[in-house]
């Protein structure tokens, strides 16, 4: 395996869990299941459907690049607001989802480990 560089504008965009996700590093793009990196691009009112990463179990980091939004997590759906520079750790198996609750585009970076 070698170092790989990808540009935001060269990535494939897929609809995943109801949102537009840019695929950077997955087993398909880098040949490794060690980790996974994707980005979400959400207009006001858009986001991801509730989900948990349990096949395989994955921890996830949400990092807010721009915009504002709300993340809900856990069975009791606690919520937290996110804005640029905020990072959120989500342990393996915890249900979570995000929605752009602001007035501008929300851009998020998602890092998952292990990858799949």
C-alpha atoms as a PDB file:
ATOM      1  CA  UNK A   1       0.000   0.000   0.000  1.00  0.00           C
ATOM      2  CA  UNK A   2       1.207   3.529  -0.702  1.00  0.00           C
ATOM      3  CA  UNK A   3       0.281   7.103   0.129  1.00  0.00           C
ATOM      4  CA  UNK A   4      -2.773   8.327  -1.790  1.00  0.00           C
ATOM      5  CA  UNK A   5      -3.949  11.883  -2.379  1.00  0.00           C
ATOM      6  CA  UNK A   6      -7.482  12.794  -3.454  1.00  0.00           C
ATOM      7  CA  UNK A   7      -8.992  16.204  -4.226  1.00  0.00           C
ATOM      8  CA  UNK A   8     -12.475  17.152  -3.005  1.00  0.00           C
ATOM      9  CA  UNK A   9     -13.584  17.908  -6.585  1.00  0.00           C
ATOM     10  CA  UNK A  10     -12.368  14.531  -7.909  1.00  0.00           C
ATOM     11  CA  UNK A  11     -14.326  12.385  -5.470  1.00  0.00           C
ATOM     12  CA  UNK A  12     -17.380  10.315  -6.272  1.00  0.00           C
ATOM     13  CA  UNK A  13     -20.639  11.551  -4.709  1.00  0.00           C
ATOM     14  CA  UNK A  14     -23.151   8.935  -3.551  1.00  0.00           C
ATOM     15  CA  UNK A  15     -26.525   9.154  -1.835  1.00  0.00           C
ATOM     16  CA  UNK A  16     -25.970   7.279   1.432  1.00  0.00           C
ATOM     17  CA  UNK A  17     -28.378   7.246   4.383  1.00  0.00           C
ATOM     18  CA  UNK A  18     -30.387  10.007   2.714  1.00  0.00           C
ATOM     19  CA  UNK A  19     -27.464  12.413   2.262  1.00  0.00           C
ATOM     20  CA  UNK A  20     -24.844  13.372  -0.330  1.00  0.00           C
ATOM     21  CA  UNK A  21     -21.546  11.763   0.659  1.00  0.00           C
ATOM     22  CA  UNK A  22     -18.184  12.314  -1.062  1.00  0.00           C
ATOM     23  CA  UNK A  23     -16.123   9.132  -1.036  1.00  0.00           C
ATOM     24  CA  UNK A  24     -12.431   9.655  -0.269  1.00  0.00           C
ATOM     25  CA  UNK A  25     -10.755   6.690   1.418  1.00  0.00           C
ATOM     26  CA  UNK A  26     -12.459   3.284   1.674  1.00  0.00           C
ATOM     27  CA  UNK A  27     -11.380  -0.283   0.964  1.00  0.00           C
ATOM     28  CA  UNK A  28     -12.456   0.312  -2.639  1.00  0.00           C
ATOM     29  CA  UNK A  29     -10.312   3.435  -3.135  1.00  0.00           C
ATOM     30  CA  UNK A  30      -7.209   2.564  -1.082  1.00  0.00           C
ATOM     31  CA  UNK A  31      -7.410  -1.206  -0.662  1.00  0.00           C
ATOM     32  CA  UNK A  32      -7.427  -1.077   3.135  1.00  0.00           C
ATOM     33  CA  UNK A  33     -10.037  -1.656   5.833  1.00  0.00           C
ATOM     34  CA  UNK A  34      -7.979   0.147   8.509  1.00  0.00           C
ATOM     35  CA  UNK A  35     -10.059   3.334   8.342  1.00  0.00           C
ATOM     36  CA  UNK A  36     -12.566   5.194   6.213  1.00  0.00           C
ATOM     37  CA  UNK A  37     -12.836   8.915   5.370  1.00  0.00           C
ATOM     38  CA  UNK A  38     -15.818  10.552   3.640  1.00  0.00           C
ATOM     39  CA  UNK A  39     -17.388  14.006   3.617  1.00  0.00           C
ATOM     40  CA  UNK A  40     -21.012  15.103   3.708  1.00  0.00           C
ATOM     41  CA  UNK A  41     -22.411  18.145   1.932  1.00  0.00           C
ATOM     42  CA  UNK A  42     -25.872  19.154   3.180  1.00  0.00           C
ATOM     43  CA  UNK A  43     -28.133  22.026   2.162  1.00  0.00           C
ATOM     44  CA  UNK A  44     -30.434  23.528   4.858  1.00  0.00           C
ATOM     45  CA  UNK A  45     -32.895  20.869   6.049  1.00  0.00           C
ATOM     46  CA  UNK A  46     -30.821  17.967   4.648  1.00  0.00           C
ATOM     47  CA  UNK A  47     -28.878  15.399   6.648  1.00  0.00           C
ATOM     48  CA  UNK A  48     -28.377  11.713   7.303  1.00  0.00           C
ATOM     49  CA  UNK A  49     -30.931   9.155   8.448  1.00  0.00           C
ATOM     50  CA  UNK A  50     -30.581   7.608  11.931  1.00  0.00           C
ATOM     51  CA  UNK A  51     -28.023   4.795  11.872  1.00  0.00           C
ATOM     52  CA  UNK A  52     -25.386   2.923  13.865  1.00  0.00           C
ATOM     53  CA  UNK A  53     -22.190   1.393  12.546  1.00  0.00           C
ATOM     54  CA  UNK A  54     -22.368  -2.207  13.698  1.00  0.00           C
ATOM     55  CA  UNK A  55     -21.369  -4.354  10.708  1.00  0.00           C
ATOM     56  CA  UNK A  56     -18.492  -4.133  11.365  1.00  0.00           C
ATOM     57  CA  UNK A  57     -18.624  -2.163  14.625  1.00  0.00           C
ATOM     58  CA  UNK A  58     -17.093   1.245  13.895  1.00  0.00           C
ATOM     59  CA  UNK A  59     -16.341   4.315  15.959  1.00  0.00           C
ATOM     60  CA  UNK A  60     -16.797   7.617  14.131  1.00  0.00           C
ATOM     61  CA  UNK A  61     -15.576  11.188  14.360  1.00  0.00           C
ATOM     62  CA  UNK A  62     -17.741  13.984  12.999  1.00  0.00           C
ATOM     63  CA  UNK A  63     -15.813  17.179  12.164  1.00  0.00           C
ATOM     64  CA  UNK A  64     -17.653  20.342  11.092  1.00  0.00           C
ATOM     65  CA  UNK A  65     -15.850  22.122   8.258  1.00  0.00           C
ATOM     66  CA  UNK A  66     -18.461  24.820   7.585  1.00  0.00           C
ATOM     67  CA  UNK A  67     -22.084  25.608   8.368  1.00  0.00           C
ATOM     68  CA  UNK A  68     -24.095  24.662  11.442  1.00  0.00           C
ATOM     69  CA  UNK A  69     -26.219  21.693  12.338  1.00  0.00           C
ATOM     70  CA  UNK A  70     -27.605  19.385  14.985  1.00  0.00           C
ATOM     71  CA  UNK A  71     -26.437  15.871  15.816  1.00  0.00           C
ATOM     72  CA  UNK A  72     -28.727  13.474  17.665  1.00  0.00           C
ATOM     73  CA  UNK A  73     -27.228  10.402  19.361  1.00  0.00           C
ATOM     74  CA  UNK A  74     -28.108   7.507  21.642  1.00  0.00           C
ATOM     75  CA  UNK A  75     -31.376   5.689  22.194  1.00  0.00           C
ATOM     76  CA  UNK A  76     -32.820   8.728  24.000  1.00  0.00           C
ATOM     77  CA  UNK A  77     -31.718  10.987  21.096  1.00  0.00           C
ATOM     78  CA  UNK A  78     -29.673  13.531  23.037  1.00  0.00           C
ATOM     79  CA  UNK A  79     -28.723  16.426  20.822  1.00  0.00           C
ATOM     80  CA  UNK A  80     -25.791  18.745  20.378  1.00  0.00           C
ATOM     81  CA  UNK A  81     -25.236  21.707  18.099  1.00  0.00           C
ATOM     82  CA  UNK A  82     -22.179  21.763  15.837  1.00  0.00           C
ATOM     83  CA  UNK A  83     -20.361  24.609  14.122  1.00  0.00           C
ATOM     84  CA  UNK A  84     -17.042  25.030  12.279  1.00  0.00           C
ATOM     85  CA  UNK A  85     -14.121  23.533  14.161  1.00  0.00           C
ATOM     86  CA  UNK A  86     -16.265  21.227  16.339  1.00  0.00           C
ATOM     87  CA  UNK A  87     -15.382  17.522  16.492  1.00  0.00           C
ATOM     88  CA  UNK A  88     -17.679  14.856  17.926  1.00  0.00           C
ATOM     89  CA  UNK A  89     -16.589  11.318  18.944  1.00  0.00           C
ATOM     90  CA  UNK A  90     -19.286   8.650  18.457  1.00  0.00           C
ATOM     91  CA  UNK A  91     -18.435   5.254  20.025  1.00  0.00           C
ATOM     92  CA  UNK A  92     -19.107   1.950  18.258  1.00  0.00           C
ATOM     93  CA  UNK A  93     -22.746   0.921  18.069  1.00  0.00           C
ATOM     94  CA  UNK A  94     -24.281   4.269  19.127  1.00  0.00           C
ATOM     95  CA  UNK A  95     -27.250   5.343  16.972  1.00  0.00           C
ATOM     96  CA  UNK A  96     -26.761   8.842  15.550  1.00  0.00           C
ATOM     97  CA  UNK A  97     -27.768  11.221  12.787  1.00  0.00           C
ATOM     98  CA  UNK A  98     -27.189  14.779  11.636  1.00  0.00           C
ATOM     99  CA  UNK A  99     -29.233  17.554  10.044  1.00  0.00           C
ATOM    100  CA  UNK A 100     -28.331  20.951   8.682  1.00  0.00           C
ATOM    101  CA  UNK A 101     -30.351  23.230  10.956  1.00  0.00           C
ATOM    102  CA  UNK A 102     -28.611  26.384   9.732  1.00  0.00           C
ATOM    103  CA  UNK A 103     -29.174  28.714   6.794  1.00  0.00           C
ATOM    104  CA  UNK A 104     -26.019  27.854   4.823  1.00  0.00           C
ATOM    105  CA  UNK A 105     -24.535  24.636   3.430  1.00  0.00           C
ATOM    106  CA  UNK A 106     -23.179  22.268   6.091  1.00  0.00           C
ATOM    107  CA  UNK A 107     -19.931  20.493   5.180  1.00  0.00           C
ATOM    108  CA  UNK A 108     -18.872  17.632   7.457  1.00  0.00           C
ATOM    109  CA  UNK A 109     -15.867  15.315   7.526  1.00  0.00           C
ATOM    110  CA  UNK A 110     -16.498  11.743   8.766  1.00  0.00           C
ATOM    111  CA  UNK A 111     -13.663   9.467   9.890  1.00  0.00           C
ATOM    112  CA  UNK A 112     -14.554   5.852  10.758  1.00  0.00           C
ATOM    113  CA  UNK A 113     -12.403   3.075  12.159  1.00  0.00           C
ATOM    114  CA  UNK A 114     -12.053   0.361  11.291  1.00  0.00           C
ATOM    115  CA  UNK A 115     -13.016   0.893   7.662  1.00  0.00           C
ATOM    116  CA  UNK A 116     -15.179  -1.401   5.591  1.00  0.00           C
END
